[in-house]
Amino acid sequence: MAGEYIRSILATGGAGFIGSNFVRHVAAGDYERVVVLDKLTYAGNTANLAGVLDDPHVTFVQGDICDSELVFDLTQDVDAIVNFAAETHVDRSLLNAGEFIQTDVYGVYVLLEAVRRNALRRFVHVSTDEVYGHVPEGKSRENDPLDPRNPYSASKAGGELMIRSYCTSHGVPAIITRGSNTYGPYQYPEKVLPISITNVLQGQPIHIYGDGQQVRDWLHVQDHVEGIEFVLRHGLVGEAYNIGGGNERRNVEIARSVLRELDAPDDLLHFVTDRQGHDRRYALDTAKISELGWSPRVGLDDGLRETVRWYRENQQWWGPIRESEDYQQYFAQNYGGREVLKVGQW
């Protein structure tokens, strides 16, 4: 399957977690040019691109997707945009939703205008399974209604609706991907898996929201970026594609896996006051992308083991992040006032 002819890519948010892994992936391919645009906010880090920026085919630009003049200039000489730029953490959106609306909705509008005016071949927007909201049973399909239940997922849904409107009104060649709970190397240590691993490595407890029975479908970042590139080349314009790992696990099971991998005691599990509006379950039906020919390759047990090993061996990457003033303030604000409900097994 030859797919769409794409020789050059603008990867917005390409110094973040999924974005940097995508840049590493495509830099190893046969693309003639990869331009990385990143604002380098707290979760963006050029260290995520160590080694890749030496590649003569890769160019890094520090900037904001909300800067319309910059985005227009950068998109004059590329075939496609893959948009990873976003505020992404639910907990932070509960503390300050305004930044999420600015980047995840207005920023998407700026990108769409650049795609329209410069007549790009493709615009792939990386969204999330959280736009479907809580899924008590069954699995979410791409044509299911969006039902976001927190400011983060609402901002991502807002960006998606803007994309749909530009597809219909202006014929913009956009495609949306909705990925499930992604994990792996270079994930900023505020999400559940990296914060759990690094907490234990520093002798601190793992904080489990509520009873820990929330279910997520876990997707290794390498599978995710391969799925995104697959959609870039083979997806149909105007469509959305679920990208899932097929690995449903309760949050508490993930935490216990971390403890086992690090040979840590069960009393490091601290069940704390739950997050407001915490969705109990997300699950994706991935038949649509599977029918095109893509499927995940990394098993959860192997992926978790490799991820724990990566954080254990790369403290020089995450140590300075956790010691930073921004991280310390966030950690204190988000966890400082939570009541410990139980220690150890629930």
C-alpha atoms as a PDB file:
ATOM      1  CA  MET A   1       0.000   0.000   0.000  1.00  0.00           C
ATOM      2  CA  ALA A   2       1.810   3.113  -1.228  1.00  0.00           C
ATOM      3  CA  GLY A   3      -0.269   5.705   0.575  1.00  0.00           C
ATOM      4  CA  GLU A   4      -0.240   9.479   0.282  1.00  0.00           C
ATOM      5  CA  TYR A   5       2.932  11.071  -1.078  1.00  0.00           C
ATOM      6  CA  ILE A   6       4.344  12.985   1.897  1.00  0.00           C
ATOM      7  CA  ARG A   7       7.976  14.090   1.809  1.00  0.00           C
ATOM      8  CA  SER A   8       8.081  16.851   4.432  1.00  0.00           C
ATOM      9  CA  ILE A   9       6.331  17.247   7.792  1.00  0.00           C
ATOM     10  CA  LEU A  10       5.800  19.987  10.340  1.00  0.00           C
ATOM     11  CA  ALA A  11       5.493  18.270  13.735  1.00  0.00           C
ATOM     12  CA  THR A  12       3.937  20.789  16.103  1.00  0.00           C
ATOM     13  CA  GLY A  13       4.536  20.018  19.769  1.00  0.00           C
ATOM     14  CA  GLY A  14       7.365  17.816  18.552  1.00  0.00           C
ATOM     15  CA  ALA A  15       9.471  18.235  21.698  1.00  0.00           C
ATOM     16  CA  GLY A  16       6.796  16.787  23.956  1.00  0.00           C
ATOM     17  CA  PHE A  17       6.231  13.160  24.893  1.00  0.00           C
ATOM     18  CA  ILE A  18       4.383  11.638  21.936  1.00  0.00           C
ATOM     19  CA  GLY A  19       5.666  14.306  19.557  1.00  0.00           C
ATOM     20  CA  SER A  20       9.349  13.637  20.250  1.00  0.00           C
ATOM     21  CA  ASN A  21       8.861   9.901  19.857  1.00  0.00           C
ATOM     22  CA  PHE A  22       7.132  10.603  16.526  1.00  0.00           C
ATOM     23  CA  VAL A  23      10.018  12.792  15.385  1.00  0.00           C
ATOM     24  CA  ARG A  24      12.478  10.041  16.282  1.00  0.00           C
ATOM     25  CA  HIS A  25      10.363   7.582  14.322  1.00  0.00           C
ATOM     26  CA  VAL A  26       9.999   9.618  11.125  1.00  0.00           C
ATOM     27  CA  ALA A  27      13.599  10.884  11.245  1.00  0.00           C
ATOM     28  CA  ALA A  28      14.640   7.257  10.810  1.00  0.00           C
ATOM     29  CA  GLY A  29      12.452   7.015   7.710  1.00  0.00           C
ATOM     30  CA  ASP A  30      12.780   8.399   4.207  1.00  0.00           C
ATOM     31  CA  TYR A  31      11.306  11.868   4.684  1.00  0.00           C
ATOM     32  CA  GLU A  32      13.273  14.678   3.108  1.00  0.00           C
ATOM     33  CA  ARG A  33      12.481  17.225   5.820  1.00  0.00           C
ATOM     34  CA  VAL A  34      11.023  17.232   9.328  1.00  0.00           C
ATOM     35  CA  VAL A  35      10.415  20.596  10.989  1.00  0.00           C
ATOM     36  CA  VAL A  36       9.734  20.562  14.743  1.00  0.00           C
ATOM     37  CA  LEU A  37       7.800  23.483  16.239  1.00  0.00           C
ATOM     38  CA  ASP A  38       7.506  23.593  20.016  1.00  0.00           C
ATOM     39  CA  LYS A  39       6.846  26.378  22.512  1.00  0.00           C
ATOM     40  CA  LEU A  40       8.975  24.570  25.130  1.00  0.00           C
ATOM     41  CA  THR A  41       6.515  25.018  27.956  1.00  0.00           C
ATOM     42  CA  TYR A  42       6.992  22.869  31.065  1.00  0.00           C
ATOM     43  CA  ALA A  43       6.392  19.573  29.203  1.00  0.00           C
ATOM     44  CA  GLY A  44       8.356  20.441  26.061  1.00  0.00           C
ATOM     45  CA  ASN A  45      12.051  19.709  26.254  1.00  0.00           C
ATOM     46  CA  THR A  46      14.799  19.659  23.626  1.00  0.00           C
ATOM     47  CA  ALA A  47      16.433  16.895  25.688  1.00  0.00           C
ATOM     48  CA  ASN A  48      13.594  14.701  24.387  1.00  0.00           C
ATOM     49  CA  LEU A  49      15.158  15.099  20.940  1.00  0.00           C
ATOM     50  CA  ALA A  50      18.752  14.356  21.957  1.00  0.00           C
ATOM     51  CA  GLY A  51      20.614  12.996  18.959  1.00  0.00           C
ATOM     52  CA  VAL A  52      17.758  13.636  16.525  1.00  0.00           C
ATOM     53  CA  LEU A  53      18.506  17.339  16.206  1.00  0.00           C
ATOM     54  CA  ASP A  54      21.903  16.427  14.751  1.00  0.00           C
ATOM     55  CA  ASP A  55      20.111  14.938  11.745  1.00  0.00           C
ATOM     56  CA  PRO A  56      20.462  17.357   8.789  1.00  0.00           C
ATOM     57  CA  HIS A  57      16.896  16.537   7.740  1.00  0.00           C
ATOM     58  CA  VAL A  58      15.478  17.753  11.082  1.00  0.00           C
ATOM     59  CA  THR A  59      15.009  21.435  11.942  1.00  0.00           C
ATOM     60  CA  PHE A  60      13.892  22.758  15.324  1.00  0.00           C
ATOM     61  CA  VAL A  61      11.996  26.030  15.763  1.00  0.00           C
ATOM     62  CA  GLN A  62      10.912  27.372  19.151  1.00  0.00           C
ATOM     63  CA  GLY A  63       7.515  28.975  18.860  1.00  0.00           C
ATOM     64  CA  ASP A  64       3.795  28.867  19.557  1.00  0.00           C
ATOM     65  CA  ILE A  65       1.114  27.357  17.309  1.00  0.00           C
ATOM     66  CA  CYS A  66      -1.001  30.384  18.234  1.00  0.00           C
ATOM     67  CA  ASP A  67       1.501  32.605  16.366  1.00  0.00           C
ATOM     68  CA  SER A  68      -0.263  32.796  12.998  1.00  0.00           C
ATOM     69  CA  GLU A  69       2.569  34.559  11.138  1.00  0.00           C
ATOM     70  CA  LEU A  70       5.157  31.996  12.255  1.00  0.00           C
ATOM     71  CA  VAL A  71       2.896  29.042  11.479  1.00  0.00           C
ATOM     72  CA  PHE A  72       2.065  30.426   8.029  1.00  0.00           C
ATOM     73  CA  ASP A  73       5.756  30.837   7.214  1.00  0.00           C
ATOM     74  CA  LEU A  74       6.677  27.341   8.410  1.00  0.00           C
ATOM     75  CA  THR A  75       3.914  25.683   6.390  1.00  0.00           C
ATOM     76  CA  GLN A  76       4.864  27.188   3.029  1.00  0.00           C
ATOM     77  CA  ASP A  77       7.454  24.479   2.387  1.00  0.00           C
ATOM     78  CA  VAL A  78       5.976  21.313   3.922  1.00  0.00           C
ATOM     79  CA  ASP A  79       3.463  18.752   2.692  1.00  0.00           C
ATOM     80  CA  ALA A  80       1.747  18.022   5.990  1.00  0.00           C
ATOM     81  CA  ILE A  81       1.239  19.032   9.606  1.00  0.00           C
ATOM     82  CA  VAL A  82       0.993  16.471  12.378  1.00  0.00           C
ATOM     83  CA  ASN A  83      -0.286  18.320  15.423  1.00  0.00           C
ATOM     84  CA  PHE A  84       0.873  17.119  18.839  1.00  0.00           C
ATOM     85  CA  ALA A  85       0.846  20.609  20.379  1.00  0.00           C
ATOM     86  CA  ALA A  86      -1.598  20.660  23.284  1.00  0.00           C
ATOM     87  CA  GLU A  87      -2.088  21.164  26.951  1.00  0.00           C
ATOM     88  CA  THR A  88      -2.761  17.576  27.962  1.00  0.00           C
ATOM     89  CA  HIS A  89      -3.007  16.884  31.683  1.00  0.00           C
ATOM     90  CA  VAL A  90      -6.489  16.585  33.195  1.00  0.00           C
ATOM     91  CA  ASP A  91      -5.302  17.553  36.677  1.00  0.00           C
ATOM     92  CA  ARG A  92      -3.769  20.782  35.368  1.00  0.00           C
ATOM     93  CA  SER A  93      -6.941  21.575  33.389  1.00  0.00           C
ATOM     94  CA  LEU A  94      -8.912  21.423  36.632  1.00  0.00           C
ATOM     95  CA  LEU A  95      -6.547  24.016  38.098  1.00  0.00           C
ATOM     96  CA  ASN A  96      -6.385  26.323  35.054  1.00  0.00           C
ATOM     97  CA  ALA A  97      -8.592  25.648  32.028  1.00  0.00           C
ATOM     98  CA  GLY A  98      -7.789  28.860  30.142  1.00  0.00           C
ATOM     99  CA  GLU A  99      -4.419  27.683  28.805  1.00  0.00           C
ATOM    100  CA  PHE A 100      -6.077  24.541  27.436  1.00  0.00           C
ATOM    101  CA  ILE A 101      -8.656  26.519  25.479  1.00  0.00           C
ATOM    102  CA  GLN A 102      -5.966  28.794  24.047  1.00  0.00           C
ATOM    103  CA  THR A 103      -3.731  26.007  22.745  1.00  0.00           C
ATOM    104  CA  ASP A 104      -6.174  23.176  22.089  1.00  0.00           C
ATOM    105  CA  VAL A 105      -8.870  25.242  20.349  1.00  0.00           C
ATOM    106  CA  TYR A 106      -7.449  28.567  19.131  1.00  0.00           C
ATOM    107  CA  GLY A 107      -4.104  26.987  18.246  1.00  0.00           C
ATOM    108  CA  VAL A 108      -5.900  24.394  16.115  1.00  0.00           C
ATOM    109  CA  TYR A 109      -7.719  27.212  14.304  1.00  0.00           C
ATOM    110  CA  VAL A 110      -4.369  28.866  13.495  1.00  0.00           C
ATOM    111  CA  LEU A 111      -3.021  25.602  12.080  1.00  0.00           C
ATOM    112  CA  LEU A 112      -6.145  25.041  10.001  1.00  0.00           C
ATOM    113  CA  GLU A 113      -5.869  28.503   8.494  1.00  0.00           C
ATOM    114  CA  ALA A 114      -2.258  27.798   7.520  1.00  0.00           C
ATOM    115  CA  VAL A 115      -3.241  24.472   5.946  1.00  0.00           C
ATOM    116  CA  ARG A 116      -6.034  26.154   3.995  1.00  0.00           C
ATOM    117  CA  ARG A 117      -3.965  29.126   2.780  1.00  0.00           C
ATOM    118  CA  ASN A 118      -0.887  27.089   1.851  1.00  0.00           C
ATOM    119  CA  ALA A 119      -2.846  24.169   0.374  1.00  0.00           C
ATOM    120  CA  LEU A 120      -1.092  21.418   2.341  1.00  0.00           C
ATOM    121  CA  ARG A 121      -1.709  17.786   1.438  1.00  0.00           C
ATOM    122  CA  ARG A 122      -2.577  16.605   4.948  1.00  0.00           C
ATOM    123  CA  PHE A 123      -3.313  17.817   8.459  1.00  0.00           C
ATOM    124  CA  VAL A 124      -3.316  15.048  11.087  1.00  0.00           C
ATOM    125  CA  HIS A 125      -4.607  16.140  14.470  1.00  0.00           C
ATOM    126  CA  VAL A 126      -3.662  13.986  17.454  1.00  0.00           C
ATOM    127  CA  SER A 127      -6.625  13.849  19.827  1.00  0.00           C
ATOM    128  CA  THR A 128      -7.602  11.517  22.673  1.00  0.00           C
ATOM    129  CA  ASP A 129     -10.036   8.783  23.678  1.00  0.00           C
ATOM    130  CA  GLU A 130     -11.157  11.080  26.490  1.00  0.00           C
ATOM    131  CA  VAL A 131     -13.393  13.058  24.098  1.00  0.00           C
ATOM    132  CA  TYR A 132     -15.865  10.150  24.256  1.00  0.00           C
ATOM    133  CA  GLY A 133     -16.263  10.520  28.009  1.00  0.00           C
ATOM    134  CA  HIS A 134     -16.988   7.688  30.429  1.00  0.00           C
ATOM    135  CA  VAL A 135     -17.681   4.349  28.706  1.00  0.00           C
ATOM    136  CA  PRO A 136     -19.330   2.025  31.257  1.00  0.00           C
ATOM    137  CA  GLU A 137     -19.549  -0.871  28.801  1.00  0.00           C
ATOM    138  CA  GLY A 138     -18.638  -1.686  25.237  1.00  0.00           C
ATOM    139  CA  LYS A 139     -16.112   0.341  23.250  1.00  0.00           C
ATOM    140  CA  SER A 140     -16.149   3.775  21.645  1.00  0.00           C
ATOM    141  CA  ARG A 141     -16.432   3.937  17.867  1.00  0.00           C
ATOM    142  CA  GLU A 142     -15.404   6.892  15.739  1.00  0.00           C
ATOM    143  CA  ASN A 143     -18.994   7.916  14.951  1.00  0.00           C
ATOM    144  CA  ASP A 144     -20.081   7.902  18.614  1.00  0.00           C
ATOM    145  CA  PRO A 145     -21.080  11.292  20.041  1.00  0.00           C
ATOM    146  CA  LEU A 146     -18.407  13.262  21.888  1.00  0.00           C
ATOM    147  CA  ASP A 147     -19.121  13.647  25.592  1.00  0.00           C
ATOM    148  CA  PRO A 148     -16.095  15.282  27.283  1.00  0.00           C
ATOM    149  CA  ARG A 149     -16.374  15.545  31.056  1.00  0.00           C
ATOM    150  CA  ASN A 150     -13.338  17.595  32.098  1.00  0.00           C
ATOM    151  CA  PRO A 151     -11.770  20.823  30.768  1.00  0.00           C
ATOM    152  CA  TYR A 152      -8.919  18.979  29.042  1.00  0.00           C
ATOM    153  CA  SER A 153     -11.129  16.621  27.050  1.00  0.00           C
ATOM    154  CA  ALA A 154     -13.560  19.485  26.337  1.00  0.00           C
ATOM    155  CA  SER A 155     -10.747  21.553  24.834  1.00  0.00           C
ATOM    156  CA  LYS A 156      -9.657  18.604  22.673  1.00  0.00           C
ATOM    157  CA  ALA A 157     -13.256  18.083  21.528  1.00  0.00           C
ATOM    158  CA  GLY A 158     -13.452  21.802  20.712  1.00  0.00           C
ATOM    159  CA  GLY A 159     -10.393  21.486  18.497  1.00  0.00           C
ATOM    160  CA  GLU A 160     -11.940  18.481  16.766  1.00  0.00           C
ATOM    161  CA  LEU A 161     -15.150  20.386  16.027  1.00  0.00           C
ATOM    162  CA  MET A 162     -13.142  23.226  14.522  1.00  0.00           C
ATOM    163  CA  ILE A 163     -11.415  20.679  12.277  1.00  0.00           C
ATOM    164  CA  ARG A 164     -14.714  19.169  11.176  1.00  0.00           C
ATOM    165  CA  SER A 165     -15.987  22.618  10.245  1.00  0.00           C
ATOM    166  CA  TYR A 166     -12.902  23.372   8.135  1.00  0.00           C
ATOM    167  CA  CYS A 167     -13.173  20.020   6.366  1.00  0.00           C
ATOM    168  CA  THR A 168     -16.755  20.796   5.402  1.00  0.00           C
ATOM    169  CA  SER A 169     -16.524  24.544   4.794  1.00  0.00           C
ATOM    170  CA  HIS A 170     -13.073  24.832   3.231  1.00  0.00           C
ATOM    171  CA  GLY A 171     -12.177  21.327   2.091  1.00  0.00           C
ATOM    172  CA  VAL A 172      -9.173  21.185   4.404  1.00  0.00           C
ATOM    173  CA  PRO A 173      -7.595  17.684   4.125  1.00  0.00           C
ATOM    174  CA  ALA A 174      -7.692  16.897   7.830  1.00  0.00           C
ATOM    175  CA  ILE A 175      -7.731  13.588   9.681  1.00  0.00           C
ATOM    176  CA  ILE A 176      -8.184  13.046  13.428  1.00  0.00           C
ATOM    177  CA  THR A 177      -6.595  10.318  15.525  1.00  0.00           C
ATOM    178  CA  ARG A 178      -7.905   9.441  18.979  1.00  0.00           C
ATOM    179  CA  GLY A 179      -5.261   7.599  20.958  1.00  0.00           C
ATOM    180  CA  SER A 180      -5.752   5.673  24.156  1.00  0.00           C
ATOM    181  CA  ASN A 181      -3.685   6.013  27.353  1.00  0.00           C
ATOM    182  CA  THR A 182      -0.135   6.300  26.035  1.00  0.00           C
ATOM    183  CA  TYR A 183       3.009   5.424  27.991  1.00  0.00           C
ATOM    184  CA  GLY A 184       6.719   4.988  27.393  1.00  0.00           C
ATOM    185  CA  PRO A 185      10.052   6.876  27.424  1.00  0.00           C
ATOM    186  CA  TYR A 186      10.167  10.673  27.700  1.00  0.00           C
ATOM    187  CA  GLN A 187       6.722  11.061  29.287  1.00  0.00           C
ATOM    188  CA  TYR A 188       6.676  14.050  31.624  1.00  0.00           C
ATOM    189  CA  PRO A 189       6.488  12.712  35.217  1.00  0.00           C
ATOM    190  CA  GLU A 190       3.018  13.996  36.076  1.00  0.00           C
ATOM    191  CA  LYS A 191       0.976  11.298  34.304  1.00  0.00           C
ATOM    192  CA  VAL A 192       0.064   8.217  36.303  1.00  0.00           C
ATOM    193  CA  LEU A 193       2.782   5.819  35.127  1.00  0.00           C
ATOM    194  CA  PRO A 194       5.894   8.059  35.136  1.00  0.00           C
ATOM    195  CA  ILE A 195       4.918   9.788  38.375  1.00  0.00           C
ATOM    196  CA  SER A 196       4.373   6.383  39.979  1.00  0.00           C
ATOM    197  CA  ILE A 197       7.738   5.065  38.786  1.00  0.00           C
ATOM    198  CA  THR A 198       9.718   8.151  39.777  1.00  0.00           C
ATOM    199  CA  ASN A 199       7.951   8.426  43.129  1.00  0.00           C
ATOM    200  CA  VAL A 200       8.968   4.886  44.023  1.00  0.00           C
ATOM    201  CA  LEU A 201      12.523   5.474  42.803  1.00  0.00           C
ATOM    202  CA  GLN A 202      12.671   8.397  45.231  1.00  0.00           C
ATOM    203  CA  GLY A 203      11.127   6.385  48.071  1.00  0.00           C
ATOM    204  CA  GLN A 204       7.798   8.210  47.896  1.00  0.00           C
ATOM    205  CA  PRO A 205       4.287   6.692  47.767  1.00  0.00           C
ATOM    206  CA  ILE A 206       2.193   6.121  44.661  1.00  0.00           C
ATOM    207  CA  HIS A 207      -0.983   8.189  44.905  1.00  0.00           C
ATOM    208  CA  ILE A 208      -4.018   6.236  43.686  1.00  0.00           C
ATOM    209  CA  TYR A 209      -7.160   8.294  43.091  1.00  0.00           C
ATOM    210  CA  GLY A 210     -10.223   6.923  44.883  1.00  0.00           C
ATOM    211  CA  ASP A 211     -10.428   3.129  44.841  1.00  0.00           C
ATOM    212  CA  GLY A 212      -8.084   2.739  41.869  1.00  0.00           C
ATOM    213  CA  GLN A 213     -10.667   0.853  39.828  1.00  0.00           C
ATOM    214  CA  GLN A 214     -10.585   3.303  36.909  1.00  0.00           C
ATOM    215  CA  VAL A 215      -9.935   1.406  33.674  1.00  0.00           C
ATOM    216  CA  ARG A 216      -7.727   2.642  30.836  1.00  0.00           C
ATOM    217  CA  ASP A 217      -6.583   1.060  27.567  1.00  0.00           C
ATOM    218  CA  TRP A 218      -2.769   1.242  27.606  1.00  0.00           C
ATOM    219  CA  LEU A 219      -0.897   1.979  24.366  1.00  0.00           C
ATOM    220  CA  HIS A 220       2.891   2.022  24.046  1.00  0.00           C
ATOM    221  CA  VAL A 221       4.173   5.244  22.523  1.00  0.00           C
ATOM    222  CA  GLN A 222       6.001   3.427  19.710  1.00  0.00           C
ATOM    223  CA  ASP A 223       2.748   1.789  18.648  1.00  0.00           C
ATOM    224  CA  HIS A 224       1.006   5.146  18.901  1.00  0.00           C
ATOM    225  CA  VAL A 225       3.444   7.030  16.686  1.00  0.00           C
ATOM    226  CA  GLU A 226       3.482   4.218  14.136  1.00  0.00           C
ATOM    227  CA  GLY A 227      -0.319   4.377  14.080  1.00  0.00           C
ATOM    228  CA  ILE A 228      -0.244   8.147  13.565  1.00  0.00           C
ATOM    229  CA  GLU A 229       2.187   7.861  10.657  1.00  0.00           C
ATOM    230  CA  PHE A 230       0.052   5.082   9.191  1.00  0.00           C
ATOM    231  CA  VAL A 231      -2.997   7.373   9.275  1.00  0.00           C
ATOM    232  CA  LEU A 232      -0.955  10.207   7.751  1.00  0.00           C
ATOM    233  CA  ARG A 233      -0.196   8.019   4.731  1.00  0.00           C
ATOM    234  CA  HIS A 234      -3.286   5.828   4.472  1.00  0.00           C
ATOM    235  CA  GLY A 235      -6.143   7.529   6.325  1.00  0.00           C
ATOM    236  CA  LEU A 236      -9.095   9.072   4.505  1.00  0.00           C
ATOM    237  CA  VAL A 237      -9.545  12.832   4.644  1.00  0.00           C
ATOM    238  CA  GLY A 238     -12.386  13.934   6.900  1.00  0.00           C
ATOM    239  CA  GLU A 239     -12.286  10.758   8.985  1.00  0.00           C
ATOM    240  CA  ALA A 240     -11.325   9.986  12.575  1.00  0.00           C
ATOM    241  CA  TYR A 241      -9.395   6.877  13.629  1.00  0.00           C
ATOM    242  CA  ASN A 242      -9.151   5.281  17.052  1.00  0.00           C
ATOM    243  CA  ILE A 243      -5.646   4.087  17.950  1.00  0.00           C
ATOM    244  CA  GLY A 244      -5.746   1.733  20.921  1.00  0.00           C
ATOM    245  CA  GLY A 245      -3.473  -0.824  22.517  1.00  0.00           C
ATOM    246  CA  GLY A 246      -6.107  -3.410  23.423  1.00  0.00           C
ATOM    247  CA  ASN A 247      -4.754  -3.499  26.987  1.00  0.00           C
ATOM    248  CA  GLU A 248      -7.477  -2.578  29.476  1.00  0.00           C
ATOM    249  CA  ARG A 249      -6.174  -2.388  33.038  1.00  0.00           C
ATOM    250  CA  ARG A 250      -7.312  -0.821  36.292  1.00  0.00           C
ATOM    251  CA  ASN A 251      -5.099   1.962  37.605  1.00  0.00           C
ATOM    252  CA  VAL A 252      -4.340   0.013  40.751  1.00  0.00           C
ATOM    253  CA  GLU A 253      -3.123  -2.943  38.661  1.00  0.00           C
ATOM    254  CA  ILE A 254      -0.676  -0.654  36.878  1.00  0.00           C
ATOM    255  CA  ALA A 255       0.574   0.685  40.208  1.00  0.00           C
ATOM    256  CA  ARG A 256       1.111  -2.827  41.551  1.00  0.00           C
ATOM    257  CA  SER A 257       3.027  -3.746  38.390  1.00  0.00           C
ATOM    258  CA  VAL A 258       5.354  -0.809  39.059  1.00  0.00           C
ATOM    259  CA  LEU A 259       5.913  -1.991  42.629  1.00  0.00           C
ATOM    260  CA  ARG A 260       6.728  -5.502  41.429  1.00  0.00           C
ATOM    261  CA  GLU A 261       9.171  -4.275  38.785  1.00  0.00           C
ATOM    262  CA  LEU A 262      10.975  -2.126  41.355  1.00  0.00           C
ATOM    263  CA  ASP A 263      10.732  -4.703  44.166  1.00  0.00           C
ATOM    264  CA  ALA A 264       8.985  -2.116  46.346  1.00  0.00           C
ATOM    265  CA  PRO A 265       6.602  -2.769  49.267  1.00  0.00           C
ATOM    266  CA  ASP A 266       2.824  -2.674  48.967  1.00  0.00           C
ATOM    267  CA  ASP A 267       2.553   0.023  51.653  1.00  0.00           C
ATOM    268  CA  LEU A 268       3.793   2.556  49.089  1.00  0.00           C
ATOM    269  CA  LEU A 269       0.275   2.429  47.636  1.00  0.00           C
ATOM    270  CA  HIS A 270      -1.641   5.397  49.066  1.00  0.00           C
ATOM    271  CA  PHE A 271      -5.282   5.659  48.047  1.00  0.00           C
ATOM    272  CA  VAL A 272      -6.199   9.361  48.145  1.00  0.00           C
ATOM    273  CA  THR A 273      -9.204  11.602  47.537  1.00  0.00           C
ATOM    274  CA  ASP A 274     -10.397  11.128  43.965  1.00  0.00           C
ATOM    275  CA  ARG A 275     -10.143  13.695  41.169  1.00  0.00           C
ATOM    276  CA  GLN A 276     -13.260  15.734  40.366  1.00  0.00           C
ATOM    277  CA  GLY A 277     -15.339  14.211  37.562  1.00  0.00           C
ATOM    278  CA  HIS A 278     -12.960  11.277  37.202  1.00  0.00           C
ATOM    279  CA  ASP A 279     -14.116   9.052  34.321  1.00  0.00           C
ATOM    280  CA  ARG A 280     -14.210   5.395  35.340  1.00  0.00           C
ATOM    281  CA  ARG A 281     -13.459   3.785  31.994  1.00  0.00           C
ATOM    282  CA  TYR A 282     -12.244   4.494  28.485  1.00  0.00           C
ATOM    283  CA  ALA A 283     -12.140   1.816  25.788  1.00  0.00           C
ATOM    284  CA  LEU A 284     -11.657   2.069  22.027  1.00  0.00           C
ATOM    285  CA  ASP A 285     -12.977   0.017  19.147  1.00  0.00           C
ATOM    286  CA  THR A 286     -10.050  -0.065  16.693  1.00  0.00           C
ATOM    287  CA  ALA A 287     -11.689  -2.055  13.881  1.00  0.00           C
ATOM    288  CA  LYS A 288     -11.568   0.922  11.515  1.00  0.00           C
ATOM    289  CA  ILE A 289      -7.785   1.354  11.541  1.00  0.00           C
ATOM    290  CA  SER A 290      -7.264  -2.406  11.745  1.00  0.00           C
ATOM    291  CA  GLU A 291      -9.175  -2.833   8.478  1.00  0.00           C
ATOM    292  CA  LEU A 292      -6.673  -0.425   6.873  1.00  0.00           C
ATOM    293  CA  GLY A 293      -3.817  -2.665   8.008  1.00  0.00           C
ATOM    294  CA  TRP A 294      -2.502  -1.298  11.320  1.00  0.00           C
ATOM    295  CA  SER A 295      -2.339  -3.061  14.683  1.00  0.00           C
ATOM    296  CA  PRO A 296      -0.265  -2.555  17.872  1.00  0.00           C
ATOM    297  CA  ARG A 297       2.857  -4.666  18.378  1.00  0.00           C
ATOM    298  CA  VAL A 298       4.051  -3.990  21.965  1.00  0.00           C
ATOM    299  CA  GLY A 299       2.534  -6.160  24.693  1.00  0.00           C
ATOM    300  CA  LEU A 300       1.681  -4.385  27.941  1.00  0.00           C
ATOM    301  CA  ASP A 301       3.881  -6.525  30.206  1.00  0.00           C
ATOM    302  CA  ASP A 302       6.918  -6.015  27.983  1.00  0.00           C
ATOM    303  CA  GLY A 303       6.139  -2.340  27.481  1.00  0.00           C
ATOM    304  CA  LEU A 304       5.761  -1.663  31.193  1.00  0.00           C
ATOM    305  CA  ARG A 305       8.974  -3.515  31.997  1.00  0.00           C
ATOM    306  CA  GLU A 306      10.881  -1.554  29.361  1.00  0.00           C
ATOM    307  CA  THR A 307       9.368   1.749  30.541  1.00  0.00           C
ATOM    308  CA  VAL A 308      10.264   1.131  34.184  1.00  0.00           C
ATOM    309  CA  ARG A 309      13.796   0.249  33.093  1.00  0.00           C
ATOM    310  CA  TRP A 310      14.057   3.446  31.026  1.00  0.00           C
ATOM    311  CA  TYR A 311      13.117   5.680  33.979  1.00  0.00           C
ATOM    312  CA  ARG A 312      15.403   3.750  36.297  1.00  0.00           C
ATOM    313  CA  GLU A 313      18.313   4.276  33.890  1.00  0.00           C
ATOM    314  CA  ASN A 314      17.559   7.895  32.961  1.00  0.00           C
ATOM    315  CA  GLN A 315      17.342   9.823  36.211  1.00  0.00           C
ATOM    316  CA  GLN A 316      19.496  12.514  34.601  1.00  0.00           C
ATOM    317  CA  TRP A 317      16.450  13.249  32.392  1.00  0.00           C
ATOM    318  CA  TRP A 318      13.629  13.256  34.947  1.00  0.00           C
ATOM    319  CA  GLY A 319      15.545  14.304  38.070  1.00  0.00           C
ATOM    320  CA  PRO A 320      15.936  17.982  37.076  1.00  0.00           C
ATOM    321  CA  ILE A 321      12.280  18.075  36.004  1.00  0.00           C
ATOM    322  CA  ARG A 322      11.062  16.891  39.393  1.00  0.00           C
ATOM    323  CA  GLU A 323      13.378  19.335  41.152  1.00  0.00           C
ATOM    324  CA  SER A 324      12.146  22.316  39.114  1.00  0.00           C
ATOM    325  CA  GLU A 325      10.058  25.039  40.761  1.00  0.00           C
ATOM    326  CA  ASP A 326       7.141  24.510  38.358  1.00  0.00           C
ATOM    327  CA  TYR A 327       6.973  20.795  39.136  1.00  0.00           C
ATOM    328  CA  GLN A 328       7.244  21.300  42.887  1.00  0.00           C
ATOM    329  CA  GLN A 329       4.446  23.879  42.823  1.00  0.00           C
ATOM    330  CA  TYR A 330       2.204  21.658  40.732  1.00  0.00           C
ATOM    331  CA  PHE A 331       2.860  18.600  42.904  1.00  0.00           C
ATOM    332  CA  ALA A 332       2.080  20.515  46.101  1.00  0.00           C
ATOM    333  CA  GLN A 333      -1.048  22.086  44.631  1.00  0.00           C
ATOM    334  CA  ASN A 334      -2.447  18.859  43.206  1.00  0.00           C
ATOM    335  CA  TYR A 335      -1.517  16.366  45.921  1.00  0.00           C
ATOM    336  CA  GLY A 336      -0.872  18.437  49.023  1.00  0.00           C
ATOM    337  CA  GLY A 337      -4.482  18.689  50.150  1.00  0.00           C
ATOM    338  CA  ARG A 338      -5.639  15.191  49.292  1.00  0.00           C
ATOM    339  CA  GLU A 339      -6.720  12.976  52.164  1.00  0.00           C
ATOM    340  CA  VAL A 340      -5.118   9.540  52.381  1.00  0.00           C
ATOM    341  CA  LEU A 341      -8.026   7.070  52.423  1.00  0.00           C
ATOM    342  CA  LYS A 342      -6.072   3.836  52.787  1.00  0.00           C
ATOM    343  CA  VAL A 343      -2.518   2.523  52.635  1.00  0.00           C
ATOM    344  CA  GLY A 344      -1.698  -0.758  50.889  1.00  0.00           C
ATOM    345  CA  GLN A 345      -4.305  -3.127  49.422  1.00  0.00           C
ATOM    346  CA  TRP A 346      -7.794  -1.726  48.804  1.00  0.00           C
END
